[in-house]
Amino acid sequence: MKPPQLGLSLMACVLLACAGPLSEAESKFKAGLYPEASEMLASMERSAAGWDVQSRAEYSLYRGLCFGALGDLPRARFWLREVLSIEAAWPRALSDADLRRLRVAAEAADALPE
């Protein structure tokens, strides 16, 4: 049996491993570097499935926002639906700022024709 501290240390390392690149992709998005942000997020897609709820919600949001910014509305809608379902199952999975971004993006995507 592992000592509790070792388990917590391992969990902290896993959280930091996903937070670094995700934060960098978000920064690129916020700087208007949508292709670069999208490329970074795409490279994380496989590992993102195993992340904690908050990180997956954040990942899905920025994935959708990037696709929207790049004009790929079907993919943007897919990822926005994904984060909406995460947020419905786990309210407060997103920060207040990201929740506002989600609401604005989802309304804008719904307003555009399929």
C-alpha atoms as a PDB file:
ATOM      1  CA  MET A   1       0.000   0.000   0.000  1.00  0.00           C
ATOM      2  CA  LYS A   2       1.320   3.423  -0.956  1.00  0.00           C
ATOM      3  CA  PRO A   3       1.717   6.058   1.712  1.00  0.00           C
ATOM      4  CA  PRO A   4      -0.921   8.806   1.266  1.00  0.00           C
ATOM      5  CA  GLN A   5       1.722  11.435   0.493  1.00  0.00           C
ATOM      6  CA  LEU A   6       3.074   9.442  -2.439  1.00  0.00           C
ATOM      7  CA  GLY A   7      -0.403   9.120  -3.946  1.00  0.00           C
ATOM      8  CA  LEU A   8      -1.019  12.847  -3.579  1.00  0.00           C
ATOM      9  CA  SER A   9       2.375  13.669  -5.060  1.00  0.00           C
ATOM     10  CA  LEU A  10       1.678  11.457  -8.051  1.00  0.00           C
ATOM     11  CA  MET A  11      -1.729  13.088  -8.562  1.00  0.00           C
ATOM     12  CA  ALA A  12      -0.159  16.551  -8.362  1.00  0.00           C
ATOM     13  CA  CYS A  13       2.383  15.578 -11.034  1.00  0.00           C
ATOM     14  CA  VAL A  14      -0.369  14.326 -13.328  1.00  0.00           C
ATOM     15  CA  LEU A  15      -2.345  17.560 -12.877  1.00  0.00           C
ATOM     16  CA  LEU A  16       0.721  19.687 -13.565  1.00  0.00           C
ATOM     17  CA  ALA A  17       1.591  17.642 -16.634  1.00  0.00           C
ATOM     18  CA  CYS A  18      -1.735  18.458 -18.277  1.00  0.00           C
ATOM     19  CA  ALA A  19      -1.994  22.013 -16.928  1.00  0.00           C
ATOM     20  CA  GLY A  20       1.237  23.313 -18.495  1.00  0.00           C
ATOM     21  CA  PRO A  21       0.516  22.639 -22.175  1.00  0.00           C
ATOM     22  CA  LEU A  22      -3.185  23.404 -21.727  1.00  0.00           C
ATOM     23  CA  SER A  23      -2.366  26.781 -20.162  1.00  0.00           C
ATOM     24  CA  GLU A  24       0.044  27.504 -22.988  1.00  0.00           C
ATOM     25  CA  ALA A  25      -2.606  26.665 -25.597  1.00  0.00           C
ATOM     26  CA  GLU A  26      -5.095  28.931 -23.806  1.00  0.00           C
ATOM     27  CA  SER A  27      -2.532  31.742 -23.800  1.00  0.00           C
ATOM     28  CA  LYS A  28      -2.002  31.312 -27.524  1.00  0.00           C
ATOM     29  CA  PHE A  29      -5.759  31.398 -28.088  1.00  0.00           C
ATOM     30  CA  LYS A  30      -6.155  34.547 -25.990  1.00  0.00           C
ATOM     31  CA  ALA A  31      -3.308  36.149 -27.973  1.00  0.00           C
ATOM     32  CA  GLY A  32      -5.183  35.448 -31.208  1.00  0.00           C
ATOM     33  CA  LEU A  33      -2.788  32.716 -32.317  1.00  0.00           C
ATOM     34  CA  TYR A  34      -5.618  30.358 -33.226  1.00  0.00           C
ATOM     35  CA  PRO A  35      -3.792  27.960 -35.573  1.00  0.00           C
ATOM     36  CA  GLU A  36      -0.979  27.475 -33.045  1.00  0.00           C
ATOM     37  CA  ALA A  37      -3.424  26.998 -30.161  1.00  0.00           C
ATOM     38  CA  SER A  38      -5.476  24.549 -32.207  1.00  0.00           C
ATOM     39  CA  GLU A  39      -2.380  22.566 -33.142  1.00  0.00           C
ATOM     40  CA  MET A  40      -1.270  22.363 -29.504  1.00  0.00           C
ATOM     41  CA  LEU A  41      -4.726  21.235 -28.391  1.00  0.00           C
ATOM     42  CA  ALA A  42      -4.865  18.628 -31.162  1.00  0.00           C
ATOM     43  CA  SER A  43      -1.596  17.152 -29.919  1.00  0.00           C
ATOM     44  CA  MET A  44      -3.167  16.716 -26.450  1.00  0.00           C
ATOM     45  CA  GLU A  45      -6.418  15.127 -27.589  1.00  0.00           C
ATOM     46  CA  ARG A  46      -5.504  11.531 -26.810  1.00  0.00           C
ATOM     47  CA  SER A  47      -4.215  12.269 -23.311  1.00  0.00           C
ATOM     48  CA  ALA A  48      -7.036  14.730 -22.496  1.00  0.00           C
ATOM     49  CA  ALA A  49      -9.524  11.860 -22.226  1.00  0.00           C
ATOM     50  CA  GLY A  50      -7.795  10.773 -19.004  1.00  0.00           C
ATOM     51  CA  TRP A  51      -7.632  14.200 -17.372  1.00  0.00           C
ATOM     52  CA  ASP A  52      -9.725  15.349 -14.419  1.00  0.00           C
ATOM     53  CA  VAL A  53     -13.151  16.868 -15.114  1.00  0.00           C
ATOM     54  CA  GLN A  54     -12.046  20.500 -14.874  1.00  0.00           C
ATOM     55  CA  SER A  55      -9.128  20.028 -17.251  1.00  0.00           C
ATOM     56  CA  ARG A  56     -11.278  18.106 -19.767  1.00  0.00           C
ATOM     57  CA  ALA A  57     -13.920  20.848 -19.640  1.00  0.00           C
ATOM     58  CA  GLU A  58     -11.290  23.527 -20.184  1.00  0.00           C
ATOM     59  CA  TYR A  59      -9.678  21.516 -22.982  1.00  0.00           C
ATOM     60  CA  SER A  60     -13.026  20.979 -24.729  1.00  0.00           C
ATOM     61  CA  LEU A  61     -13.928  24.649 -24.411  1.00  0.00           C
ATOM     62  CA  TYR A  62     -10.715  25.910 -25.977  1.00  0.00           C
ATOM     63  CA  ARG A  63     -10.839  23.214 -28.641  1.00  0.00           C
ATOM     64  CA  GLY A  64     -14.294  24.475 -29.601  1.00  0.00           C
ATOM     65  CA  LEU A  65     -13.279  28.120 -29.404  1.00  0.00           C
ATOM     66  CA  CYS A  66     -10.280  27.493 -31.658  1.00  0.00           C
ATOM     67  CA  PHE A  67     -12.364  25.696 -34.271  1.00  0.00           C
ATOM     68  CA  GLY A  68     -14.883  28.533 -34.141  1.00  0.00           C
ATOM     69  CA  ALA A  69     -12.177  31.165 -34.542  1.00  0.00           C
ATOM     70  CA  LEU A  70     -10.788  29.245 -37.507  1.00  0.00           C
ATOM     71  CA  GLY A  71     -14.222  29.034 -39.153  1.00  0.00           C
ATOM     72  CA  ASP A  72     -14.793  25.291 -38.698  1.00  0.00           C
ATOM     73  CA  LEU A  73     -18.308  25.526 -37.298  1.00  0.00           C
ATOM     74  CA  PRO A  74     -19.186  21.787 -37.285  1.00  0.00           C
ATOM     75  CA  ARG A  75     -16.128  20.950 -35.179  1.00  0.00           C
ATOM     76  CA  ALA A  76     -16.671  24.002 -32.977  1.00  0.00           C
ATOM     77  CA  ARG A  77     -20.221  22.853 -32.274  1.00  0.00           C
ATOM     78  CA  PHE A  78     -19.015  19.327 -31.496  1.00  0.00           C
ATOM     79  CA  TRP A  79     -16.556  20.547 -28.850  1.00  0.00           C
ATOM     80  CA  LEU A  80     -18.934  23.138 -27.431  1.00  0.00           C
ATOM     81  CA  ARG A  81     -21.579  20.418 -27.014  1.00  0.00           C
ATOM     82  CA  GLU A  82     -18.946  18.301 -25.290  1.00  0.00           C
ATOM     83  CA  VAL A  83     -18.117  20.995 -22.746  1.00  0.00           C
ATOM     84  CA  LEU A  84     -21.806  21.817 -22.269  1.00  0.00           C
ATOM     85  CA  SER A  85     -22.468  18.182 -21.338  1.00  0.00           C
ATOM     86  CA  ILE A  86     -19.488  18.149 -18.960  1.00  0.00           C
ATOM     87  CA  GLU A  87     -20.720  21.342 -17.324  1.00  0.00           C
ATOM     88  CA  ALA A  88     -24.272  19.919 -17.071  1.00  0.00           C
ATOM     89  CA  ALA A  89     -22.990  16.780 -15.322  1.00  0.00           C
ATOM     90  CA  TRP A  90     -20.437  18.614 -13.148  1.00  0.00           C
ATOM     91  CA  PRO A  91     -21.626  22.181 -12.545  1.00  0.00           C
ATOM     92  CA  ARG A  92     -18.778  24.587 -11.869  1.00  0.00           C
ATOM     93  CA  ALA A  93     -16.290  22.456 -13.804  1.00  0.00           C
ATOM     94  CA  LEU A  94     -15.300  25.680 -15.558  1.00  0.00           C
ATOM     95  CA  SER A  95     -14.110  28.920 -14.025  1.00  0.00           C
ATOM     96  CA  ASP A  96     -16.532  31.855 -14.116  1.00  0.00           C
ATOM     97  CA  ALA A  97     -14.614  33.454 -16.987  1.00  0.00           C
ATOM     98  CA  ASP A  98     -14.588  30.238 -19.024  1.00  0.00           C
ATOM     99  CA  LEU A  99     -18.265  29.652 -18.285  1.00  0.00           C
ATOM    100  CA  ARG A 100     -19.015  33.099 -19.742  1.00  0.00           C
ATOM    101  CA  ARG A 101     -16.891  32.259 -22.809  1.00  0.00           C
ATOM    102  CA  LEU A 102     -18.816  29.013 -23.225  1.00  0.00           C
ATOM    103  CA  ARG A 103     -22.205  30.736 -23.031  1.00  0.00           C
ATOM    104  CA  VAL A 104     -21.232  33.389 -25.580  1.00  0.00           C
ATOM    105  CA  ALA A 105     -19.684  30.845 -27.966  1.00  0.00           C
ATOM    106  CA  ALA A 106     -22.605  28.410 -27.668  1.00  0.00           C
ATOM    107  CA  GLU A 107     -25.145  31.186 -28.349  1.00  0.00           C
ATOM    108  CA  ALA A 108     -23.151  32.400 -31.338  1.00  0.00           C
ATOM    109  CA  ALA A 109     -22.801  28.870 -32.737  1.00  0.00           C
ATOM    110  CA  ASP A 110     -26.531  28.226 -32.300  1.00  0.00           C
ATOM    111  CA  ALA A 111     -27.358  31.481 -34.097  1.00  0.00           C
ATOM    112  CA  LEU A 112     -25.449  30.444 -37.231  1.00  0.00           C
ATOM    113  CA  PRO A 113     -26.953  28.074 -39.797  1.00  0.00           C
ATOM    114  CA  GLU A 114     -25.803  24.457 -39.811  1.00  0.00           C
END
